Each structure stands twice: as structure tokens, then as C-alpha cells.
N, C-alpha and C. Protein backbone atom coordinates (compact mmCIF):
# COMPACT_ATOMS: atom_id res chain seq x y z
N MET A 1 32.28 52.56 13.56
CA MET A 1 31.18 52.44 14.49
C MET A 1 31.30 53.45 15.63
N LYS A 2 32.55 53.62 16.13
CA LYS A 2 32.77 54.59 17.20
C LYS A 2 32.43 55.99 16.73
N ARG A 3 32.73 56.28 15.47
CA ARG A 3 32.47 57.61 14.92
C ARG A 3 30.96 57.88 14.85
N ILE A 4 30.18 56.90 14.44
CA ILE A 4 28.72 57.05 14.37
C ILE A 4 28.16 57.28 15.79
N HIS A 5 28.69 56.50 16.73
CA HIS A 5 28.25 56.64 18.12
C HIS A 5 28.56 58.05 18.64
N LEU A 6 29.74 58.57 18.32
CA LEU A 6 30.14 59.90 18.74
C LEU A 6 29.23 60.96 18.12
N VAL A 7 28.95 60.83 16.82
CA VAL A 7 28.09 61.79 16.13
C VAL A 7 26.69 61.78 16.74
N LEU A 8 26.15 60.58 17.00
CA LEU A 8 24.82 60.48 17.60
C LEU A 8 24.80 61.09 19.01
N THR A 9 25.86 60.87 19.76
CA THR A 9 25.96 61.43 21.11
C THR A 9 25.97 62.95 21.05
N VAL A 10 26.73 63.53 20.13
CA VAL A 10 26.80 64.98 19.98
C VAL A 10 25.44 65.54 19.55
N ILE A 11 24.78 64.90 18.61
CA ILE A 11 23.46 65.35 18.15
C ILE A 11 22.47 65.31 19.31
N PHE A 12 22.49 64.22 20.09
CA PHE A 12 21.59 64.09 21.23
C PHE A 12 21.86 65.19 22.25
N ALA A 13 23.13 65.47 22.54
CA ALA A 13 23.49 66.50 23.51
C ALA A 13 23.02 67.88 23.05
N VAL A 14 23.16 68.17 21.77
CA VAL A 14 22.71 69.45 21.22
C VAL A 14 21.18 69.56 21.33
N PHE A 15 20.48 68.48 21.02
CA PHE A 15 19.02 68.47 21.10
C PHE A 15 18.54 68.70 22.53
N VAL A 16 19.13 68.00 23.50
CA VAL A 16 18.76 68.16 24.90
C VAL A 16 19.05 69.58 25.38
N SER A 17 20.20 70.10 25.02
CA SER A 17 20.57 71.45 25.41
C SER A 17 19.59 72.47 24.83
N ALA A 18 19.22 72.31 23.58
CA ALA A 18 18.28 73.23 22.94
C ALA A 18 16.91 73.16 23.62
N SER A 19 16.48 71.94 23.97
CA SER A 19 15.19 71.79 24.65
C SER A 19 15.20 72.47 26.00
N CYS A 20 16.26 72.29 26.76
CA CYS A 20 16.37 72.92 28.08
C CYS A 20 16.38 74.43 27.96
N ASN A 21 17.14 74.94 27.01
CA ASN A 21 17.22 76.39 26.84
C ASN A 21 15.89 76.97 26.40
N ALA A 22 15.15 76.22 25.56
CA ALA A 22 13.85 76.71 25.11
C ALA A 22 12.89 76.80 26.29
N GLN A 23 12.93 75.80 27.18
CA GLN A 23 12.05 75.84 28.35
C GLN A 23 12.44 76.97 29.28
N GLU A 24 13.73 77.18 29.50
CA GLU A 24 14.17 78.25 30.39
C GLU A 24 13.82 79.61 29.82
N GLY A 25 13.78 79.74 28.51
CA GLY A 25 13.50 81.02 27.87
C GLY A 25 12.02 81.36 27.83
N GLN A 26 11.15 80.39 28.17
CA GLN A 26 9.72 80.64 28.13
C GLN A 26 9.33 81.57 29.28
N PRO A 27 8.42 82.48 29.00
CA PRO A 27 7.97 83.35 30.08
C PRO A 27 7.18 82.54 31.11
N SER A 28 7.28 82.94 32.36
CA SER A 28 6.55 82.26 33.43
C SER A 28 5.06 82.49 33.26
N LYS A 29 4.28 81.47 33.54
CA LYS A 29 2.83 81.60 33.49
C LYS A 29 2.31 82.33 34.72
N VAL A 30 3.04 82.21 35.82
CA VAL A 30 2.66 82.90 37.05
C VAL A 30 3.17 84.34 36.97
N LYS A 31 2.34 85.29 37.35
CA LYS A 31 2.74 86.70 37.33
C LYS A 31 3.40 87.04 38.67
N TRP A 32 4.65 86.59 38.81
CA TRP A 32 5.38 86.77 40.06
C TRP A 32 5.64 88.23 40.35
N MET A 33 5.65 88.57 41.61
CA MET A 33 6.00 89.91 42.06
C MET A 33 6.91 89.79 43.27
N SER A 34 7.51 90.88 43.66
CA SER A 34 8.36 90.84 44.86
C SER A 34 7.47 90.84 46.10
N VAL A 35 8.03 90.40 47.21
CA VAL A 35 7.28 90.42 48.48
C VAL A 35 6.91 91.86 48.83
N GLN A 36 7.85 92.78 48.64
CA GLN A 36 7.58 94.19 48.97
C GLN A 36 6.41 94.72 48.14
N ASP A 37 6.39 94.40 46.84
CA ASP A 37 5.28 94.86 45.99
C ASP A 37 3.96 94.25 46.43
N ALA A 38 3.97 92.97 46.83
CA ALA A 38 2.75 92.31 47.29
C ALA A 38 2.23 92.94 48.58
N VAL A 39 3.14 93.22 49.51
CA VAL A 39 2.76 93.86 50.78
C VAL A 39 2.18 95.24 50.50
N ASN A 40 2.82 95.99 49.63
CA ASN A 40 2.34 97.32 49.27
C ASN A 40 0.95 97.24 48.62
N GLN A 41 0.77 96.27 47.72
CA GLN A 41 -0.52 96.11 47.04
C GLN A 41 -1.59 95.69 48.04
N GLY A 42 -1.25 94.79 48.96
CA GLY A 42 -2.20 94.36 49.98
C GLY A 42 -2.65 95.51 50.86
N GLN A 43 -1.71 96.38 51.23
CA GLN A 43 -2.06 97.56 52.04
C GLN A 43 -2.94 98.51 51.25
N LYS A 44 -2.63 98.66 49.98
CA LYS A 44 -3.40 99.55 49.12
C LYS A 44 -4.83 99.03 48.94
N ASP A 45 -4.96 97.71 48.76
CA ASP A 45 -6.27 97.11 48.50
C ASP A 45 -7.12 96.94 49.77
N GLY A 46 -6.48 97.03 50.93
CA GLY A 46 -7.21 96.98 52.20
C GLY A 46 -8.03 95.72 52.37
N LYS A 47 -9.33 95.89 52.66
CA LYS A 47 -10.20 94.74 52.94
C LYS A 47 -10.41 93.85 51.72
N SER A 48 -10.22 94.39 50.53
CA SER A 48 -10.41 93.58 49.32
C SER A 48 -9.10 92.94 48.85
N ALA A 49 -8.07 93.00 49.67
CA ALA A 49 -6.76 92.43 49.29
C ALA A 49 -6.85 90.92 49.12
N LYS A 50 -6.08 90.43 48.18
CA LYS A 50 -5.94 88.99 47.99
C LYS A 50 -4.99 88.46 49.05
N LEU A 51 -4.89 87.15 49.12
CA LEU A 51 -3.86 86.53 49.94
C LEU A 51 -2.51 86.68 49.25
N ILE A 52 -1.45 86.64 50.02
CA ILE A 52 -0.09 86.67 49.47
C ILE A 52 0.45 85.25 49.51
N PHE A 53 0.95 84.79 48.37
CA PHE A 53 1.58 83.48 48.28
C PHE A 53 3.07 83.72 48.03
N ILE A 54 3.92 83.18 48.90
CA ILE A 54 5.35 83.40 48.77
C ILE A 54 6.07 82.08 48.55
N ASP A 55 6.70 81.95 47.41
CA ASP A 55 7.56 80.80 47.14
C ASP A 55 8.96 81.17 47.63
N CYS A 56 9.35 80.60 48.78
CA CYS A 56 10.67 80.87 49.37
C CYS A 56 11.64 79.81 48.88
N TYR A 57 12.67 80.22 48.19
CA TYR A 57 13.61 79.29 47.56
C TYR A 57 15.04 79.73 47.82
N THR A 58 15.98 78.86 47.46
CA THR A 58 17.40 79.21 47.44
C THR A 58 17.98 78.71 46.12
N SER A 59 19.13 79.23 45.76
CA SER A 59 19.75 78.84 44.49
C SER A 59 20.24 77.40 44.51
N TRP A 60 20.52 76.84 45.69
CA TRP A 60 21.06 75.50 45.79
C TRP A 60 19.99 74.43 46.04
N CYS A 61 18.74 74.82 46.21
CA CYS A 61 17.66 73.89 46.54
C CYS A 61 17.15 73.18 45.29
N GLY A 62 17.42 71.89 45.19
CA GLY A 62 16.99 71.11 44.03
C GLY A 62 15.49 71.00 43.91
N TRP A 63 14.78 70.78 45.02
CA TRP A 63 13.33 70.65 44.98
C TRP A 63 12.66 71.98 44.63
N CYS A 64 13.31 73.10 44.93
CA CYS A 64 12.78 74.41 44.53
C CYS A 64 12.74 74.50 43.00
N LYS A 65 13.77 73.98 42.37
CA LYS A 65 13.84 74.00 40.90
C LYS A 65 12.77 73.08 40.30
N VAL A 66 12.54 71.94 40.93
CA VAL A 66 11.50 71.01 40.45
C VAL A 66 10.13 71.67 40.63
N LEU A 67 9.93 72.38 41.73
CA LEU A 67 8.68 73.10 41.96
C LEU A 67 8.43 74.10 40.83
N ASP A 68 9.47 74.82 40.41
CA ASP A 68 9.34 75.75 39.29
C ASP A 68 9.01 75.03 37.99
N SER A 69 9.76 73.98 37.68
CA SER A 69 9.62 73.34 36.38
C SER A 69 8.38 72.45 36.26
N LYS A 70 7.95 71.85 37.36
CA LYS A 70 6.82 70.91 37.29
C LYS A 70 5.51 71.51 37.81
N THR A 71 5.55 72.24 38.90
CA THR A 71 4.31 72.68 39.56
C THR A 71 3.89 74.07 39.10
N PHE A 72 4.77 75.05 39.22
CA PHE A 72 4.38 76.42 38.86
C PHE A 72 4.21 76.60 37.36
N SER A 73 4.73 75.69 36.56
CA SER A 73 4.54 75.76 35.11
C SER A 73 3.20 75.17 34.67
N ASN A 74 2.51 74.52 35.60
CA ASN A 74 1.20 73.92 35.31
C ASN A 74 0.17 75.03 35.09
N ASP A 75 -0.60 74.95 34.01
CA ASP A 75 -1.56 75.99 33.65
C ASP A 75 -2.58 76.26 34.75
N THR A 76 -3.10 75.21 35.37
CA THR A 76 -4.12 75.39 36.40
C THR A 76 -3.54 76.01 37.66
N VAL A 77 -2.39 75.53 38.10
CA VAL A 77 -1.75 76.11 39.28
C VAL A 77 -1.44 77.58 39.04
N ALA A 78 -0.89 77.89 37.87
CA ALA A 78 -0.57 79.29 37.54
C ALA A 78 -1.83 80.16 37.55
N ALA A 79 -2.91 79.64 36.96
CA ALA A 79 -4.16 80.42 36.91
C ALA A 79 -4.73 80.64 38.31
N ILE A 80 -4.66 79.62 39.17
CA ILE A 80 -5.14 79.77 40.55
C ILE A 80 -4.31 80.82 41.28
N LEU A 81 -3.00 80.75 41.15
CA LEU A 81 -2.13 81.73 41.81
C LEU A 81 -2.42 83.14 41.32
N ASN A 82 -2.55 83.31 40.01
CA ASN A 82 -2.80 84.64 39.45
C ASN A 82 -4.18 85.18 39.83
N TYR A 83 -5.16 84.30 39.95
CA TYR A 83 -6.53 84.73 40.24
C TYR A 83 -6.74 85.09 41.71
N TYR A 84 -6.28 84.24 42.60
CA TYR A 84 -6.58 84.36 44.02
C TYR A 84 -5.51 85.07 44.85
N TYR A 85 -4.29 85.14 44.36
CA TYR A 85 -3.16 85.55 45.19
C TYR A 85 -2.36 86.68 44.55
N TYR A 86 -1.55 87.32 45.40
CA TYR A 86 -0.42 88.11 44.93
C TYR A 86 0.74 87.10 45.02
N PRO A 87 1.13 86.48 43.90
CA PRO A 87 2.18 85.46 43.96
C PRO A 87 3.58 86.09 43.98
N CYS A 88 4.38 85.65 44.94
CA CYS A 88 5.72 86.21 45.12
C CYS A 88 6.78 85.13 45.05
N LYS A 89 7.91 85.48 44.48
CA LYS A 89 9.12 84.67 44.54
C LYS A 89 10.04 85.37 45.52
N PHE A 90 10.62 84.60 46.43
CA PHE A 90 11.51 85.21 47.42
C PHE A 90 12.75 84.36 47.59
N ASP A 91 13.89 84.94 47.23
CA ASP A 91 15.18 84.30 47.43
C ASP A 91 15.52 84.42 48.91
N ALA A 92 15.44 83.31 49.64
CA ALA A 92 15.62 83.31 51.09
C ALA A 92 17.04 83.62 51.51
N GLU A 93 17.96 83.70 50.55
CA GLU A 93 19.33 84.11 50.83
C GLU A 93 19.69 85.35 50.03
N GLY A 94 18.66 86.05 49.56
CA GLY A 94 18.86 87.23 48.72
C GLY A 94 19.21 88.47 49.52
N LYS A 95 19.41 89.55 48.82
CA LYS A 95 19.90 90.80 49.42
C LYS A 95 18.84 91.90 49.46
N GLU A 96 17.58 91.55 49.25
CA GLU A 96 16.49 92.52 49.26
C GLU A 96 16.12 92.91 50.69
N THR A 97 15.90 94.19 50.93
CA THR A 97 15.40 94.67 52.22
C THR A 97 13.89 94.85 52.09
N ILE A 98 13.13 94.31 53.05
CA ILE A 98 11.67 94.34 52.97
C ILE A 98 11.10 95.00 54.21
N LYS A 99 10.22 95.98 54.00
CA LYS A 99 9.59 96.69 55.11
C LYS A 99 8.12 96.30 55.20
N ILE A 100 7.73 95.83 56.40
CA ILE A 100 6.35 95.43 56.65
C ILE A 100 5.91 96.05 57.96
N ASP A 101 4.86 96.86 57.91
CA ASP A 101 4.32 97.51 59.10
C ASP A 101 5.39 98.22 59.92
N GLY A 102 6.25 98.94 59.24
CA GLY A 102 7.28 99.71 59.91
C GLY A 102 8.49 98.91 60.38
N LEU A 103 8.46 97.59 60.22
CA LEU A 103 9.60 96.76 60.58
C LEU A 103 10.42 96.43 59.34
N THR A 104 11.72 96.55 59.48
CA THR A 104 12.61 96.26 58.36
C THR A 104 13.17 94.85 58.50
N ASN A 105 13.03 94.06 57.46
CA ASN A 105 13.58 92.72 57.40
C ASN A 105 14.79 92.75 56.46
N ASN A 106 15.96 92.52 57.03
CA ASN A 106 17.21 92.68 56.30
C ASN A 106 17.76 91.34 55.82
N PRO A 107 18.58 91.41 54.78
CA PRO A 107 19.29 90.20 54.36
C PRO A 107 20.35 89.84 55.39
N SER A 108 20.80 88.61 55.32
CA SER A 108 21.86 88.15 56.22
C SER A 108 23.16 88.88 55.91
N THR A 109 23.99 89.04 56.90
CA THR A 109 25.30 89.63 56.68
C THR A 109 26.29 88.57 56.20
N LYS A 110 25.89 87.29 56.25
CA LYS A 110 26.72 86.20 55.74
C LYS A 110 26.57 86.13 54.23
N ASN A 111 27.42 85.37 53.60
CA ASN A 111 27.31 85.11 52.16
C ASN A 111 27.22 83.61 51.94
N GLY A 112 26.59 83.24 50.85
CA GLY A 112 26.52 81.83 50.48
C GLY A 112 25.46 81.06 51.24
N ARG A 113 25.56 79.74 51.15
CA ARG A 113 24.58 78.84 51.75
C ARG A 113 24.49 79.08 53.26
N GLY A 114 23.25 79.23 53.74
CA GLY A 114 23.05 79.49 55.16
C GLY A 114 22.89 80.96 55.49
N ALA A 115 22.97 81.82 54.48
CA ALA A 115 22.81 83.26 54.70
C ALA A 115 21.32 83.59 54.66
N THR A 116 20.60 83.15 55.68
CA THR A 116 19.14 83.23 55.69
C THR A 116 18.65 84.65 55.99
N HIS A 117 17.77 85.12 55.14
CA HIS A 117 17.17 86.45 55.26
C HIS A 117 16.31 86.51 56.52
N GLU A 118 16.25 87.68 57.16
CA GLU A 118 15.43 87.86 58.37
C GLU A 118 13.96 87.54 58.15
N LEU A 119 13.45 87.76 56.94
CA LEU A 119 12.04 87.51 56.67
C LEU A 119 11.68 86.04 56.87
N MET A 120 12.65 85.14 56.68
CA MET A 120 12.37 83.72 56.87
C MET A 120 12.03 83.41 58.32
N LYS A 121 12.58 84.15 59.27
CA LYS A 121 12.21 83.96 60.68
C LYS A 121 10.73 84.27 60.87
N VAL A 122 10.25 85.30 60.19
CA VAL A 122 8.84 85.68 60.26
C VAL A 122 7.99 84.58 59.62
N VAL A 123 8.41 84.13 58.45
CA VAL A 123 7.66 83.09 57.71
C VAL A 123 7.61 81.79 58.50
N TRP A 124 8.74 81.39 59.09
CA TRP A 124 8.82 80.11 59.80
C TRP A 124 8.31 80.18 61.23
N GLU A 125 7.94 81.35 61.71
CA GLU A 125 7.49 81.47 63.10
C GLU A 125 6.31 80.51 63.35
N GLY A 126 6.42 79.75 64.42
CA GLY A 126 5.37 78.80 64.76
C GLY A 126 5.51 77.45 64.07
N GLN A 127 6.48 77.32 63.16
CA GLN A 127 6.72 76.05 62.48
C GLN A 127 7.69 75.21 63.30
N ARG A 128 7.76 73.95 63.02
CA ARG A 128 8.70 73.06 63.72
C ARG A 128 10.02 72.99 62.98
N GLY A 129 10.54 74.10 62.59
CA GLY A 129 11.79 74.14 61.84
C GLY A 129 11.56 74.82 60.51
N GLY A 130 12.58 74.79 59.70
CA GLY A 130 12.49 75.42 58.40
C GLY A 130 13.11 74.54 57.35
N GLY A 131 12.98 74.92 56.13
CA GLY A 131 13.55 74.17 55.03
C GLY A 131 13.04 74.73 53.72
N TYR A 132 13.53 74.18 52.66
CA TYR A 132 13.16 74.67 51.33
C TYR A 132 12.75 73.49 50.46
N PRO A 133 11.79 73.71 49.59
CA PRO A 133 11.02 74.94 49.45
C PRO A 133 10.04 75.14 50.60
N THR A 134 9.76 76.40 50.85
CA THR A 134 8.70 76.80 51.78
C THR A 134 7.74 77.67 50.99
N MET A 135 6.47 77.37 51.11
CA MET A 135 5.44 78.18 50.47
C MET A 135 4.59 78.79 51.58
N ALA A 136 4.68 80.09 51.73
CA ALA A 136 3.97 80.78 52.79
C ALA A 136 2.72 81.44 52.24
N ILE A 137 1.64 81.33 53.00
CA ILE A 137 0.39 81.99 52.63
C ILE A 137 0.10 82.99 53.74
N ARG A 138 -0.02 84.26 53.34
CA ARG A 138 -0.24 85.35 54.28
C ARG A 138 -1.44 86.17 53.81
N ARG A 139 -2.06 86.87 54.73
CA ARG A 139 -3.13 87.80 54.36
C ARG A 139 -2.49 89.03 53.71
N GLY A 140 -3.32 89.91 53.14
CA GLY A 140 -2.82 91.12 52.50
C GLY A 140 -2.06 92.01 53.46
N ASN A 141 -2.39 91.93 54.77
CA ASN A 141 -1.68 92.72 55.77
C ASN A 141 -0.47 91.97 56.33
N PHE A 142 -0.16 90.84 55.75
CA PHE A 142 0.97 89.96 56.05
C PHE A 142 0.76 89.09 57.30
N ALA A 143 -0.44 89.07 57.85
CA ALA A 143 -0.73 88.16 58.96
C ALA A 143 -0.66 86.72 58.43
N PRO A 144 -0.14 85.80 59.22
CA PRO A 144 0.02 84.42 58.74
C PRO A 144 -1.30 83.69 58.55
N VAL A 145 -1.34 82.86 57.52
CA VAL A 145 -2.45 81.94 57.29
C VAL A 145 -1.92 80.52 57.48
N ASP A 146 -0.89 80.16 56.69
CA ASP A 146 -0.27 78.85 56.84
C ASP A 146 1.07 78.84 56.11
N CYS A 147 1.80 77.77 56.33
CA CYS A 147 3.11 77.58 55.72
C CYS A 147 3.17 76.14 55.22
N ILE A 148 3.46 75.96 53.96
CA ILE A 148 3.55 74.63 53.35
C ILE A 148 5.03 74.34 53.13
N MET A 149 5.51 73.29 53.75
CA MET A 149 6.92 72.95 53.66
C MET A 149 7.12 71.79 52.70
N GLY A 150 8.13 71.91 51.83
CA GLY A 150 8.49 70.82 50.94
C GLY A 150 7.83 70.92 49.58
N TYR A 151 8.21 69.98 48.74
CA TYR A 151 7.72 69.94 47.36
C TYR A 151 6.30 69.39 47.29
N LEU A 152 5.45 70.02 46.48
CA LEU A 152 4.14 69.47 46.13
C LEU A 152 4.00 69.53 44.61
N GLY A 153 3.49 68.46 44.03
CA GLY A 153 3.20 68.45 42.61
C GLY A 153 1.95 69.27 42.32
N PRO A 154 1.63 69.49 41.04
CA PRO A 154 0.47 70.31 40.69
C PRO A 154 -0.85 69.80 41.27
N GLU A 155 -1.04 68.47 41.24
CA GLU A 155 -2.29 67.90 41.75
C GLU A 155 -2.40 68.03 43.26
N GLU A 156 -1.28 68.14 43.94
CA GLU A 156 -1.28 68.31 45.40
C GLU A 156 -1.42 69.77 45.80
N LEU A 157 -0.76 70.67 45.06
CA LEU A 157 -0.79 72.08 45.42
C LEU A 157 -2.12 72.73 45.06
N GLN A 158 -2.72 72.33 43.96
CA GLN A 158 -3.97 72.95 43.50
C GLN A 158 -5.05 72.98 44.59
N PRO A 159 -5.40 71.84 45.22
CA PRO A 159 -6.44 71.93 46.25
C PRO A 159 -6.00 72.74 47.47
N ALA A 160 -4.72 72.72 47.81
CA ALA A 160 -4.24 73.50 48.95
C ALA A 160 -4.43 74.99 48.69
N LEU A 161 -4.14 75.44 47.48
CA LEU A 161 -4.30 76.85 47.14
C LEU A 161 -5.76 77.29 47.22
N VAL A 162 -6.64 76.44 46.71
CA VAL A 162 -8.08 76.76 46.75
C VAL A 162 -8.61 76.71 48.18
N TYR A 163 -8.12 75.76 48.95
CA TYR A 163 -8.53 75.59 50.35
C TYR A 163 -8.37 76.90 51.13
N TYR A 164 -7.26 77.56 50.94
CA TYR A 164 -7.02 78.82 51.64
C TYR A 164 -7.70 80.00 50.95
N ALA A 165 -7.64 80.05 49.65
CA ALA A 165 -8.18 81.19 48.91
C ALA A 165 -9.70 81.32 49.05
N GLU A 166 -10.39 80.20 49.12
CA GLU A 166 -11.85 80.21 49.24
C GLU A 166 -12.31 80.08 50.69
N ASN A 167 -11.37 80.18 51.63
CA ASN A 167 -11.65 80.16 53.07
C ASN A 167 -12.25 78.85 53.58
N TYR A 168 -12.03 77.76 52.88
CA TYR A 168 -12.49 76.46 53.38
C TYR A 168 -11.74 76.07 54.66
N TYR A 169 -10.55 76.63 54.86
CA TYR A 169 -9.78 76.31 56.05
C TYR A 169 -10.48 76.77 57.33
N LYS A 170 -11.45 77.66 57.20
CA LYS A 170 -12.21 78.10 58.36
C LYS A 170 -13.38 77.15 58.67
N GLN A 171 -13.69 76.26 57.71
CA GLN A 171 -14.86 75.40 57.84
C GLN A 171 -14.55 73.93 58.08
N MET A 172 -13.42 73.45 57.56
CA MET A 172 -13.12 72.02 57.62
C MET A 172 -11.63 71.77 57.55
N SER A 173 -11.23 70.58 57.91
CA SER A 173 -9.81 70.20 57.84
C SER A 173 -9.40 70.08 56.37
N PHE A 174 -8.11 70.20 56.13
CA PHE A 174 -7.63 70.05 54.76
C PHE A 174 -7.87 68.64 54.24
N GLU A 175 -7.71 67.64 55.09
CA GLU A 175 -7.94 66.25 54.67
C GLU A 175 -9.36 66.07 54.16
N LYS A 176 -10.33 66.61 54.86
CA LYS A 176 -11.73 66.51 54.44
C LYS A 176 -11.94 67.26 53.12
N PHE A 177 -11.38 68.48 53.02
CA PHE A 177 -11.52 69.26 51.80
C PHE A 177 -10.88 68.56 50.62
N LYS A 178 -9.68 68.05 50.82
CA LYS A 178 -8.94 67.40 49.74
C LYS A 178 -9.74 66.23 49.16
N ASP A 179 -10.41 65.48 50.02
CA ASP A 179 -11.23 64.36 49.56
C ASP A 179 -12.41 64.83 48.71
N LYS A 180 -12.94 66.01 49.01
CA LYS A 180 -14.10 66.54 48.28
C LYS A 180 -13.72 67.39 47.07
N TYR A 181 -12.49 67.86 47.01
CA TYR A 181 -12.12 68.88 46.03
C TYR A 181 -12.47 68.49 44.59
N VAL A 182 -11.97 67.37 44.13
CA VAL A 182 -12.19 66.99 42.72
C VAL A 182 -13.66 66.74 42.45
N LYS A 183 -14.36 66.11 43.37
CA LYS A 183 -15.78 65.77 43.15
C LYS A 183 -16.71 66.97 43.26
N GLU A 184 -16.44 67.87 44.20
CA GLU A 184 -17.42 68.92 44.49
C GLU A 184 -17.00 70.34 44.13
N TYR A 185 -15.72 70.65 44.19
CA TYR A 185 -15.32 72.06 44.08
C TYR A 185 -14.51 72.41 42.83
N GLN A 186 -13.74 71.47 42.31
CA GLN A 186 -12.80 71.78 41.24
C GLN A 186 -13.47 72.36 40.00
N LYS A 187 -14.60 71.81 39.60
CA LYS A 187 -15.29 72.27 38.38
C LYS A 187 -15.63 73.76 38.47
N ASP A 188 -16.18 74.18 39.61
CA ASP A 188 -16.55 75.60 39.77
C ASP A 188 -15.32 76.50 39.82
N VAL A 189 -14.26 76.02 40.46
CA VAL A 189 -13.01 76.79 40.52
C VAL A 189 -12.45 76.99 39.12
N LEU A 190 -12.38 75.92 38.35
CA LEU A 190 -11.83 76.02 36.99
C LEU A 190 -12.67 76.94 36.12
N LYS A 191 -13.97 76.88 36.25
CA LYS A 191 -14.85 77.76 35.49
C LYS A 191 -14.58 79.23 35.85
N LYS A 192 -14.37 79.49 37.14
CA LYS A 192 -14.12 80.85 37.62
C LYS A 192 -12.78 81.40 37.13
N ILE A 193 -11.72 80.60 37.27
CA ILE A 193 -10.39 81.14 36.96
C ILE A 193 -10.09 81.19 35.47
N PHE A 194 -10.78 80.36 34.67
CA PHE A 194 -10.51 80.36 33.24
C PHE A 194 -11.58 81.08 32.43
N LYS A 195 -12.47 81.84 33.10
CA LYS A 195 -13.55 82.50 32.37
C LYS A 195 -13.06 83.63 31.48
N ASN A 196 -11.92 84.22 31.79
CA ASN A 196 -11.41 85.36 31.00
C ASN A 196 -10.83 84.91 29.70
């Protein structure tokens, strides 16, 4: 009996491992770019530039990983990001140097957890603290629009992305928009982003 239990345990472990590896090996649905590339593209596109969406993460942040596996893997969220934004992944403890409007944002001179990149000070400016995940929304010229702190599932992030991309934030509160999104706006958004 112990032998059968051991064999079943090994088979289950192999199956789970294969499933995880298959998911990790899948290409991302979101067409991620670096922050530097997004800033360069925004400057190039000028007045017709899209918004920049920055997923600020760290290697040790558990909710950042859930955001990747549950939210950014969602077909609708990915399509909204690809359609309306220059979507960026940014390792907030990474070693990339980023230049924006002649200012250089350098990586931390520290190593490991807590080695926060200078760009995070820019992203978190005006916020009541920082944390991960942080999702920053900036204009093409990198002027701030908003900063979303913490994990959001696909159903929560989708209306927030549309709220900023379609400029509803200039007309109404997010609470009001969120209440109307599914009833009034979602159908047209989905038709627009999935028309190709």
C-alpha cells in the first residue's frame, strides 16, 4: 500500500511540475517593453502617444507573481494593455539606467531586497508610501496620471485601465465609472480592442 501511495505521489508531482513549466514557457499575451523604450516611443509619437503603463515588481514580491499569473495573463486585460498603452515591466530593484527628459534614474548601489531603483521615487511621488506591486500610469511624456498600489484581479484592473485610457478620469470619479463600466462601456471597449 505504501508503494502505491509513493508511486501516485511521484506521478502527481511530475504532473504538477509539467503543468507549471508549460505555463511558464507560454509567451506573454502582453507585449511588454522596457520603460526606456516606452519613454522613447512616447517622445517619438508626440501628441499621439499612448499612455505608459508600468508594472513595478520585485523578485521577492508574491503578489507581483500572482498579478502576472492571474491578471496579466487574462486575454481582455492583455488586449486592453496592448491597445491603449505602452505596457512596461520594471524590476524596481533592477540594474537598468533610465533617462527621462535629460534626467538619469540610476539603480540602487545596494544589492538584494531594499535596493530600490531611483525611478521608484519618481513613480511614488505624491503617494502615501510605496509597496509592490505598483502599477504606474504615465503620459507619453512621462507626466504622472495615477499610481495603483497592490494586487488587482482581472475584473478589477480592466475598468481601471479603460478609465484612464479613455480619459473618463477627467469627467467622473472612478467609483462612478466602475459602477457604469459593465453596463455602459465594456461592450464598446471589447468591440474596439478585439476588432483586429
